[in-house]
Amino acid sequence: MTEHKSGGDLTLGGQRVHERLTREEPELIARVLARIQAEVADYRRLPVEELAGDIAGITRQAVRAFARSLREDRELNAAELRQVGASAVRRAEEGFPLEAVLTAYHVGAREIFAVGSASSGRADVADLLDVADRVLAFVGTVTGAVTRGYLEELRTKVGQEHTARRTLLSVLVDGGPVDVVARSAGITLPARYLVLSVELGPHADEGSPEVDAAIAVRRKLRRFLAAFERCCGDGVLASLDGPGGLVLLPVAGRGPDRHAVLDAAGRAAGVTVLAAAETAAPSEVRAVAAQTGEVLDVLRWFGRPPGLYHLDDVLVEYQLTRPGAARDRLAAALDPLDAHPELVETLDAYLRLDTNRRRTAAQLHVHPNTVDYRLRRIRDLTGIDPLHPAGLPRIIAASAARRATHP
C-alpha cells in the first residue's frame, strides 16, 4: 500500500502545488471568474461591481484556503468555512440561485486543479492522484458550507425573527398592542423612532439589459438597509420595495446625524434618496408615519432635490395641499390651462426656478420672449398674473393645490 505524502510535499512538475497556486493566484482568480461567467448564466446577470468585488473576494479566499490546507496538510478549518458560509448568506439575501453558487465552486475547483497540475508528467502520477483527491474533498466540504449558510439564511429571513419584526412594524403602523407584541417577540422597544418615508432612485443596474433587474433591486435594498443596521443596530424596522417605503430607526439619546446616516445609506445602495423624517414614540408611529408619507408626496409634487426633509421645511406647501373647499377652489383656478400643456409646463418651470424667466427659457429650450408670451396667456386664461407681485402668491397657492389634486 502506497503511503500518501503530506499535502505540503505534494509536487507536480518539480514544484510544490501549494507554492504554484500562491504564485499564480492573480491569474488563477481571473481564470475562475472568466470561466464562471462563461459557464454559469446567472453570474452574467450580476452587476460588474459585484463580480469585481464580492465574487472576486470570495474566490480569492477559497483559493488561499485550499493552498493553506495543502501546505498545512489539513482540511478547511472553522474560520475558513465561516467565510464560505458568509458569502452564501449574501447570495441568499439577494435571491441568487443556490445551484448557481454551487456550480461556481465546482468550476473554481476545476481551475485550481488545472493550474496546480499544469506541468505534471509521468513521474507525478501518484502525487497527481493525491491532489485530485484533495480537490474533491475540498469541493465536498465547501458544498456543505455553502448549502448550510444559504439555507440557514433563508430560514432566518422567513423564520421567527423576520415574522416577529414584520408583525411589530405592522402593529406600530396600523395601531395595536405594541408592548404585547414586542414582549412576545423578545424585542425591546426604543424610547423613540426616527420615522423615515423614503423614495429611492433607480440603480443604474436596474436599467441594464445585461443585469437581472430583480437581483439589482434586492441588492439595492439590502445595501440600503445594511447601512442603517450598521449605524443603528438590529432594531431597524423596514417595509421597502424597489421605489422606497418606510423605515423606522431606533433613536438612543440624541442619536447619530440623520442627514449623514441617510447620505451613507444612499451611497451604499448607489442611489439618490428623497426622504421625509420625524421622530415618534412607539405609540405615535402610526400618526407620524402617515404624516411623513404626506410630506414625501409634497416633496415629489414640488420637485425637491434628493435629501432629508422635515415638515418644517415645507410647511406652506403642506398646508396648501391639505384637503378642503379652499384647496379645491384654488386648484380649479388653473383648470383653464388643461387644454394647454405647454402653459402648464411653463408655469411649473417658472415657479420651480424662482420666477427667473431666462432660466425658465433655457430649461424649456425656448426664447425668453416665448416665456413672457406664455405667462401673459396664463394671465388671460386664469385671471391671475404670474408676472405681478400681487398675483404671484395666489398662483403659487393654486399650483400647490393643483399638484395635490392632480398628482
Protein backbone atom coordinates (compact mmCIF):
# COMPACT_ATOMS: atom_id res chain seq x y z
CA MET A 1 0.00 0.00 0.00
CA THR A 2 1.42 3.36 -1.07
CA GLU A 3 1.85 5.88 1.74
CA HIS A 4 0.39 9.31 0.98
CA LYS A 5 2.62 12.34 1.20
CA SER A 6 1.94 15.34 3.36
CA GLY A 7 -0.02 17.97 1.47
CA GLY A 8 2.84 20.41 1.79
CA ASP A 9 5.14 17.97 -0.01
CA LEU A 10 2.88 17.21 -2.99
CA THR A 11 4.90 18.13 -6.05
CA LEU A 12 3.88 18.35 -9.70
CA GLY A 13 6.25 19.34 -12.47
CA GLY A 14 9.04 19.89 -9.99
CA GLN A 15 7.20 22.42 -7.81
CA ARG A 16 5.13 22.11 -4.68
CA VAL A 17 1.47 22.53 -5.61
CA HIS A 18 0.62 24.99 -2.84
CA GLU A 19 3.54 27.21 -3.87
CA ARG A 20 2.41 27.18 -7.50
CA LEU A 21 -1.14 28.13 -6.51
CA THR A 22 0.14 31.01 -4.36
CA ARG A 23 2.49 32.30 -7.06
CA GLU A 24 -0.13 32.17 -9.81
CA GLU A 25 -3.02 33.39 -7.64
CA PRO A 26 -3.90 36.57 -9.65
CA GLU A 27 -4.03 34.69 -12.96
CA LEU A 28 -5.92 31.79 -11.36
CA ILE A 29 -8.59 34.09 -9.92
CA ALA A 30 -9.02 35.82 -13.29
CA ARG A 31 -9.44 32.42 -14.97
CA VAL A 32 -12.01 31.30 -12.40
CA LEU A 33 -14.08 34.47 -12.80
CA ALA A 34 -13.95 34.30 -16.59
CA ARG A 35 -14.99 30.64 -16.60
CA ILE A 36 -17.82 31.22 -14.13
CA GLN A 37 -19.22 33.95 -16.34
CA ALA A 38 -18.87 31.75 -19.42
CA GLU A 39 -20.41 28.60 -17.91
CA VAL A 40 -22.89 29.80 -15.26
CA ALA A 41 -25.55 32.01 -16.87
CA ASP A 42 -26.81 33.51 -13.61
CA TYR A 43 -23.45 35.17 -12.94
CA ARG A 44 -23.66 37.01 -16.25
CA ARG A 45 -26.67 38.89 -14.87
CA LEU A 46 -24.77 40.17 -11.83
CA PRO A 47 -23.54 43.79 -11.81
CA VAL A 48 -19.90 44.20 -12.83
CA GLU A 49 -19.24 45.85 -9.46
CA GLU A 50 -20.33 42.73 -7.60
CA LEU A 51 -18.26 40.39 -9.79
CA ALA A 52 -15.15 42.53 -9.34
CA GLY A 53 -15.81 42.98 -5.63
CA ASP A 54 -17.61 40.38 -3.56
CA ILE A 55 -17.37 37.45 -6.02
CA ALA A 56 -13.67 38.06 -6.72
CA GLY A 57 -13.08 38.37 -2.98
CA ILE A 58 -14.64 35.04 -2.04
CA THR A 59 -12.81 33.39 -4.99
CA ARG A 60 -9.52 34.69 -3.59
CA GLN A 61 -10.43 33.43 -0.12
CA ALA A 62 -11.27 29.97 -1.47
CA VAL A 63 -8.03 29.67 -3.46
CA ARG A 64 -5.97 30.76 -0.47
CA ALA A 65 -7.84 28.43 1.86
CA PHE A 66 -7.13 25.43 -0.39
CA ALA A 67 -3.45 26.38 -0.73
CA ARG A 68 -3.13 26.69 3.06
CA SER A 69 -4.88 23.37 3.60
CA LEU A 70 -2.30 21.72 1.33
CA ARG A 71 0.66 23.46 2.95
CA GLU A 72 -0.55 22.58 6.45
CA ASP A 73 -1.86 19.13 5.44
CA ARG A 74 -5.35 19.58 6.87
CA GLU A 75 -8.98 20.09 5.96
CA LEU A 76 -10.52 23.57 5.87
CA ASN A 77 -10.79 24.98 9.37
CA ALA A 78 -13.81 26.60 11.03
CA ALA A 79 -12.76 30.17 10.19
CA GLU A 80 -12.32 29.35 6.50
CA LEU A 81 -15.69 27.59 6.37
CA ARG A 82 -17.34 30.60 8.04
CA GLN A 83 -16.04 32.81 5.21
CA VAL A 84 -17.59 30.45 2.67
CA GLY A 85 -20.86 30.36 4.60
CA ALA A 86 -20.96 34.16 4.93
CA SER A 87 -20.67 34.57 1.17
CA ALA A 88 -23.52 32.08 0.69
CA VAL A 89 -25.63 34.14 3.11
CA ARG A 90 -25.12 37.23 0.94
CA ARG A 91 -26.21 35.32 -2.16
CA ALA A 92 -29.31 34.11 -0.33
CA GLU A 93 -30.13 37.68 0.73
CA GLU A 94 -30.05 38.71 -2.92
CA GLY A 95 -32.23 35.79 -4.01
CA PHE A 96 -29.38 34.41 -6.14
CA PRO A 97 -29.93 30.73 -7.08
CA LEU A 98 -28.21 28.18 -4.83
CA GLU A 99 -27.48 25.88 -7.75
CA ALA A 100 -25.53 28.65 -9.46
CA VAL A 101 -23.41 29.23 -6.36
CA LEU A 102 -22.59 25.53 -6.06
CA THR A 103 -21.77 25.26 -9.76
CA ALA A 104 -19.40 28.21 -9.45
CA TYR A 105 -17.43 26.47 -6.70
CA HIS A 106 -17.12 23.35 -8.85
CA VAL A 107 -15.86 25.49 -11.73
CA GLY A 108 -13.33 27.10 -9.40
CA ALA A 109 -12.12 23.72 -8.14
CA ARG A 110 -11.53 22.51 -11.70
CA GLU A 111 -9.42 25.59 -12.40
CA ILE A 112 -7.45 25.08 -9.18
CA PHE A 113 -6.67 21.54 -10.27
CA ALA A 114 -5.81 22.67 -13.82
CA VAL A 115 -3.35 25.31 -12.62
CA GLY A 116 -1.85 23.09 -9.93
CA SER A 117 -1.27 20.19 -12.34
CA ALA A 118 -0.29 22.18 -15.44
CA SER A 119 3.33 20.95 -15.56
CA SER A 120 2.85 17.41 -14.28
CA GLY A 121 4.48 14.45 -16.04
CA ARG A 122 4.63 10.65 -15.92
CA ALA A 123 6.66 10.69 -12.74
CA ASP A 124 3.97 12.69 -10.94
CA VAL A 125 1.08 10.22 -11.22
CA ALA A 126 0.93 9.35 -7.52
CA ASP A 127 1.02 12.98 -6.41
CA LEU A 128 -1.45 13.94 -9.14
CA LEU A 129 -3.97 11.41 -7.85
CA ASP A 130 -3.47 12.68 -4.31
CA VAL A 131 -4.02 16.29 -5.40
CA ALA A 132 -7.16 15.27 -7.29
CA ASP A 133 -8.47 13.51 -4.17
CA ARG A 134 -7.81 16.60 -2.07
CA VAL A 135 -9.56 18.87 -4.59
CA LEU A 136 -12.63 16.59 -4.50
CA ALA A 137 -12.58 16.64 -0.70
CA PHE A 138 -12.32 20.43 -0.81
CA VAL A 139 -15.35 20.62 -3.11
CA GLY A 140 -17.35 18.38 -0.81
CA THR A 141 -16.51 20.43 2.27
CA VAL A 142 -17.24 23.74 0.55
CA THR A 143 -20.52 22.42 -0.86
CA GLY A 144 -21.67 21.60 2.66
CA ALA A 145 -20.68 25.03 3.99
CA VAL A 146 -22.39 26.87 1.12
CA THR A 147 -25.59 24.88 1.46
CA ARG A 148 -25.73 25.34 5.23
CA GLY A 149 -25.09 29.07 5.03
CA TYR A 150 -27.59 29.63 2.24
CA LEU A 151 -30.41 27.59 3.79
CA GLU A 152 -29.83 28.98 7.28
CA GLU A 153 -30.20 32.49 5.89
CA LEU A 154 -33.45 31.55 4.19
CA ARG A 155 -34.76 30.09 7.41
CA THR A 156 -33.68 33.22 9.27
CA LYS A 157 -35.34 35.55 6.81
CA VAL A 158 -38.55 33.60 6.61
CA GLY A 159 -38.45 32.39 10.21
CA GLN A 160 -39.43 33.68 13.57
CA GLU A 161 -37.28 36.81 13.76
CA HIS A 162 -38.41 38.02 10.35
CA THR A 163 -42.04 37.32 11.16
CA ALA A 164 -41.77 39.00 14.57
CA ARG A 165 -40.27 42.17 13.16
CA ARG A 166 -42.82 42.30 10.37
CA THR A 167 -45.58 41.89 12.90
CA LEU A 168 -44.13 44.59 15.14
CA LEU A 169 -43.82 47.01 12.23
CA SER A 170 -47.38 46.29 11.17
CA VAL A 171 -48.69 46.91 14.68
CA LEU A 172 -46.71 50.13 15.00
CA VAL A 173 -48.02 51.47 11.70
CA ASP A 174 -51.60 50.19 11.92
CA GLY A 175 -52.11 50.60 15.67
CA GLY A 176 -52.46 47.81 18.20
CA PRO A 177 -50.94 46.28 21.34
CA VAL A 178 -47.33 47.25 20.59
CA ASP A 179 -45.95 46.34 24.02
CA VAL A 180 -47.61 42.92 23.96
CA VAL A 181 -46.21 42.07 20.52
CA ALA A 182 -42.72 43.31 21.45
CA ARG A 183 -42.64 41.25 24.65
CA SER A 184 -43.82 38.09 22.91
CA ALA A 185 -41.10 38.51 20.30
CA GLY A 186 -38.41 39.33 22.87
CA ILE A 187 -37.88 42.77 21.33
CA THR A 188 -37.05 45.80 23.49
CA LEU A 189 -38.76 48.89 22.13
CA PRO A 190 -36.70 52.09 21.96
CA ALA A 191 -38.00 55.24 23.60
CA ARG A 192 -38.34 56.84 20.17
CA TYR A 193 -38.06 56.00 16.49
CA LEU A 194 -36.88 58.16 13.62
CA VAL A 195 -39.69 57.59 11.12
CA LEU A 196 -38.49 57.82 7.51
CA SER A 197 -40.71 57.78 4.44
CA VAL A 198 -38.24 57.31 1.58
CA GLU A 199 -38.20 57.35 -2.19
CA LEU A 200 -35.21 55.59 -3.74
CA GLY A 201 -33.93 56.46 -7.16
CA PRO A 202 -33.25 53.59 -9.57
CA HIS A 203 -29.82 52.00 -9.54
CA ALA A 204 -28.01 52.06 -12.88
CA ASP A 205 -28.03 48.24 -12.96
CA GLU A 206 -31.85 48.15 -12.92
CA GLY A 207 -31.93 49.55 -16.44
CA SER A 208 -29.09 47.44 -17.82
CA PRO A 209 -30.23 44.72 -20.25
CA GLU A 210 -27.31 42.55 -19.13
CA VAL A 211 -28.28 42.58 -15.43
CA ASP A 212 -31.18 40.79 -13.77
CA ALA A 213 -33.29 43.77 -12.63
CA ALA A 214 -34.91 41.86 -9.74
CA ILE A 215 -31.49 40.97 -8.28
CA ALA A 216 -30.32 44.57 -8.76
CA VAL A 217 -33.35 45.87 -6.82
CA ARG A 218 -32.89 43.37 -3.96
CA ARG A 219 -29.21 44.19 -3.79
CA LYS A 220 -30.00 47.92 -3.66
CA LEU A 221 -32.46 47.44 -0.82
CA ARG A 222 -30.13 45.09 1.09
CA ARG A 223 -27.29 47.61 0.96
CA PHE A 224 -29.60 50.48 1.86
CA LEU A 225 -30.87 48.72 4.98
CA ALA A 226 -27.45 47.34 5.89
CA ALA A 227 -26.12 50.89 6.18
CA PHE A 228 -28.86 51.71 8.70
CA GLU A 229 -28.22 48.50 10.63
CA ARG A 230 -24.50 49.26 10.90
CA CYS A 231 -25.40 52.60 12.45
CA CYS A 232 -28.49 51.78 14.50
CA GLY A 233 -28.22 48.04 15.24
CA ASP A 234 -30.67 45.25 14.60
CA GLY A 235 -33.68 47.22 15.87
CA VAL A 236 -34.22 48.76 12.42
CA LEU A 237 -37.68 48.03 11.01
CA ALA A 238 -38.50 48.49 7.35
CA SER A 239 -41.09 47.88 4.68
CA LEU A 240 -39.45 48.59 1.33
CA ASP A 241 -39.90 47.72 -2.29
CA GLY A 242 -37.97 48.97 -5.33
CA PRO A 243 -39.19 52.61 -5.28
CA GLY A 244 -38.99 53.02 -1.49
CA GLY A 245 -41.23 52.74 1.55
CA LEU A 246 -40.99 53.13 5.32
CA VAL A 247 -38.01 52.78 7.67
CA LEU A 248 -38.05 53.05 11.47
CA LEU A 249 -34.69 53.70 13.12
CA PRO A 250 -34.38 53.29 16.90
CA VAL A 251 -33.13 56.52 18.47
CA ALA A 252 -30.98 56.47 21.61
CA GLY A 253 -30.21 59.86 23.16
CA ARG A 254 -29.56 62.45 20.50
CA GLY A 255 -28.77 59.70 18.04
CA PRO A 256 -26.46 59.97 15.01
CA ASP A 257 -26.60 62.80 12.49
CA ARG A 258 -29.65 61.75 10.50
CA HIS A 259 -28.52 63.57 7.35
CA ALA A 260 -25.17 61.76 7.46
CA VAL A 261 -26.88 58.40 8.05
CA LEU A 262 -29.23 58.87 5.10
CA ASP A 263 -26.36 60.00 2.86
CA ALA A 264 -24.36 56.92 3.85
CA ALA A 265 -27.31 54.62 3.10
CA GLY A 266 -27.82 56.22 -0.30
CA ARG A 267 -24.14 55.88 -1.16
CA ALA A 268 -24.13 52.24 -0.03
CA ALA A 269 -27.10 51.49 -2.28
CA GLY A 270 -25.73 53.60 -5.13
CA VAL A 271 -28.96 55.63 -5.45
CA THR A 272 -30.41 59.04 -4.70
CA VAL A 273 -32.79 59.25 -1.73
CA LEU A 274 -35.65 61.64 -1.08
CA ALA A 275 -36.91 61.31 2.49
CA ALA A 276 -39.32 62.86 4.97
CA ALA A 277 -38.49 62.35 8.64
CA GLU A 278 -39.89 62.96 12.12
CA THR A 279 -39.24 61.31 15.48
CA ALA A 280 -42.00 59.50 17.34
CA ALA A 281 -42.61 57.43 20.43
CA PRO A 282 -43.78 53.89 19.57
CA SER A 283 -47.38 54.90 20.33
CA GLU A 284 -47.06 57.85 17.90
CA VAL A 285 -45.61 55.94 14.94
CA ARG A 286 -48.98 55.44 13.24
CA ALA A 287 -49.79 59.14 13.04
CA VAL A 288 -46.23 60.23 12.27
CA ALA A 289 -45.78 57.62 9.50
CA ALA A 290 -48.95 58.90 7.83
CA GLN A 291 -47.66 62.47 8.10
CA THR A 292 -44.18 61.72 6.71
CA GLY A 293 -45.84 59.91 3.82
CA GLU A 294 -47.84 63.05 3.08
CA VAL A 295 -44.74 65.23 3.37
CA LEU A 296 -42.95 62.92 0.91
CA ASP A 297 -45.83 63.43 -1.53
CA VAL A 298 -45.42 67.21 -1.20
CA LEU A 299 -41.67 66.90 -1.82
CA ARG A 300 -42.38 64.94 -5.01
CA TRP A 301 -45.07 67.35 -6.21
CA PHE A 302 -42.74 70.33 -5.80
CA GLY A 303 -39.71 68.64 -7.35
CA ARG A 304 -37.50 68.97 -4.29
CA PRO A 305 -33.96 67.59 -4.83
CA PRO A 306 -32.83 64.41 -3.03
CA GLY A 307 -32.17 64.83 0.66
CA LEU A 308 -33.74 64.65 4.11
CA TYR A 309 -36.66 66.95 4.91
CA HIS A 310 -38.99 67.64 7.82
CA LEU A 311 -42.47 69.11 7.92
CA ASP A 312 -40.97 72.49 8.89
CA ASP A 313 -39.14 72.58 5.55
CA VAL A 314 -42.40 72.54 3.57
CA LEU A 315 -44.97 73.98 5.99
CA VAL A 316 -46.59 76.33 3.46
CA GLU A 317 -46.68 73.77 0.66
CA TYR A 318 -48.02 71.12 3.02
CA GLN A 319 -50.83 73.32 4.30
CA LEU A 320 -51.81 74.45 0.81
CA THR A 321 -52.22 70.83 -0.29
CA ARG A 322 -54.48 69.73 2.60
CA PRO A 323 -57.99 68.65 1.52
CA GLY A 324 -60.81 71.18 1.81
CA ALA A 325 -63.01 73.60 -0.08
CA ALA A 326 -60.30 76.27 -0.28
CA ARG A 327 -57.82 73.83 -1.84
CA ASP A 328 -60.36 72.70 -4.42
CA ARG A 329 -61.24 76.29 -5.34
CA LEU A 330 -57.56 77.18 -5.69
CA ALA A 331 -56.87 74.15 -7.90
CA ALA A 332 -59.89 74.96 -10.07
CA ALA A 333 -58.42 78.39 -10.81
CA LEU A 334 -55.93 76.69 -13.14
CA ASP A 335 -58.48 74.47 -14.90
CA PRO A 336 -58.44 76.75 -17.99
CA LEU A 337 -54.85 75.56 -18.56
CA ASP A 338 -55.89 71.91 -19.01
CA ALA A 339 -56.12 72.35 -22.79
CA HIS A 340 -52.70 73.98 -22.95
CA PRO A 341 -49.99 71.60 -21.66
CA GLU A 342 -47.22 73.97 -22.81
CA LEU A 343 -48.61 76.64 -20.46
CA VAL A 344 -48.70 74.18 -17.53
CA GLU A 345 -45.11 73.14 -18.26
CA THR A 346 -44.00 76.77 -18.44
CA LEU A 347 -45.74 77.72 -15.20
CA ASP A 348 -44.24 74.74 -13.34
CA ALA A 349 -40.72 75.59 -14.53
CA TYR A 350 -41.19 79.31 -13.82
CA LEU A 351 -42.21 78.69 -10.22
CA ARG A 352 -39.62 75.93 -9.65
CA LEU A 353 -36.83 78.25 -10.91
CA ASP A 354 -37.77 81.12 -8.56
CA THR A 355 -39.66 83.09 -11.27
CA ASN A 356 -36.46 83.55 -13.29
CA ARG A 357 -37.68 83.88 -16.89
CA ARG A 358 -34.28 83.43 -18.52
CA ARG A 359 -33.57 80.21 -16.63
CA THR A 360 -37.07 79.04 -17.46
CA ALA A 361 -36.47 79.71 -21.15
CA ALA A 362 -33.15 77.87 -21.03
CA GLN A 363 -34.68 74.81 -19.38
CA LEU A 364 -37.58 74.71 -21.84
CA HIS A 365 -35.26 75.44 -24.80
CA VAL A 366 -37.34 78.40 -25.96
CA HIS A 367 -36.72 82.13 -26.36
CA PRO A 368 -37.32 84.33 -23.28
CA ASN A 369 -39.97 86.21 -25.28
CA THR A 370 -41.84 82.92 -25.63
CA VAL A 371 -41.87 82.54 -21.86
CA ASP A 372 -43.24 86.08 -21.49
CA TYR A 373 -45.95 85.37 -24.04
CA ARG A 374 -46.99 82.15 -22.30
CA LEU A 375 -47.12 83.84 -18.89
CA ARG A 376 -49.39 86.54 -20.34
CA ARG A 377 -51.60 83.78 -21.80
CA ILE A 378 -51.83 82.24 -18.32
CA ARG A 379 -52.95 85.62 -17.00
CA ASP A 380 -55.58 85.96 -19.72
CA LEU A 381 -56.96 82.44 -19.16
CA THR A 382 -56.95 82.36 -15.35
CA GLY A 383 -57.23 85.97 -14.33
CA ILE A 384 -54.08 85.57 -12.18
CA ASP A 385 -50.95 87.43 -13.31
CA PRO A 386 -47.78 85.44 -12.53
CA LEU A 387 -45.70 88.48 -13.56
CA HIS A 388 -47.27 90.78 -10.98
CA PRO A 389 -46.23 90.73 -7.28
CA ALA A 390 -49.87 90.63 -6.19
CA GLY A 391 -50.65 87.63 -8.39
CA LEU A 392 -47.61 85.56 -7.56
CA PRO A 393 -48.68 84.25 -4.10
CA ARG A 394 -52.09 83.29 -5.46
CA ILE A 395 -50.74 81.40 -8.45
CA ILE A 396 -48.16 79.62 -6.24
CA ALA A 397 -51.01 78.55 -3.95
CA ALA A 398 -53.13 77.46 -6.92
CA SER A 399 -50.23 75.46 -8.35
CA ALA A 400 -49.70 73.74 -4.98
CA ALA A 401 -53.38 72.87 -4.73
CA ARG A 402 -53.39 71.58 -8.30
CA ARG A 403 -50.42 69.28 -7.61
CA ALA A 404 -52.29 67.81 -4.66
CA THR A 405 -55.46 67.20 -6.67
CA HIS A 406 -53.68 66.12 -9.87
CA PRO A 407 -50.68 64.07 -8.58
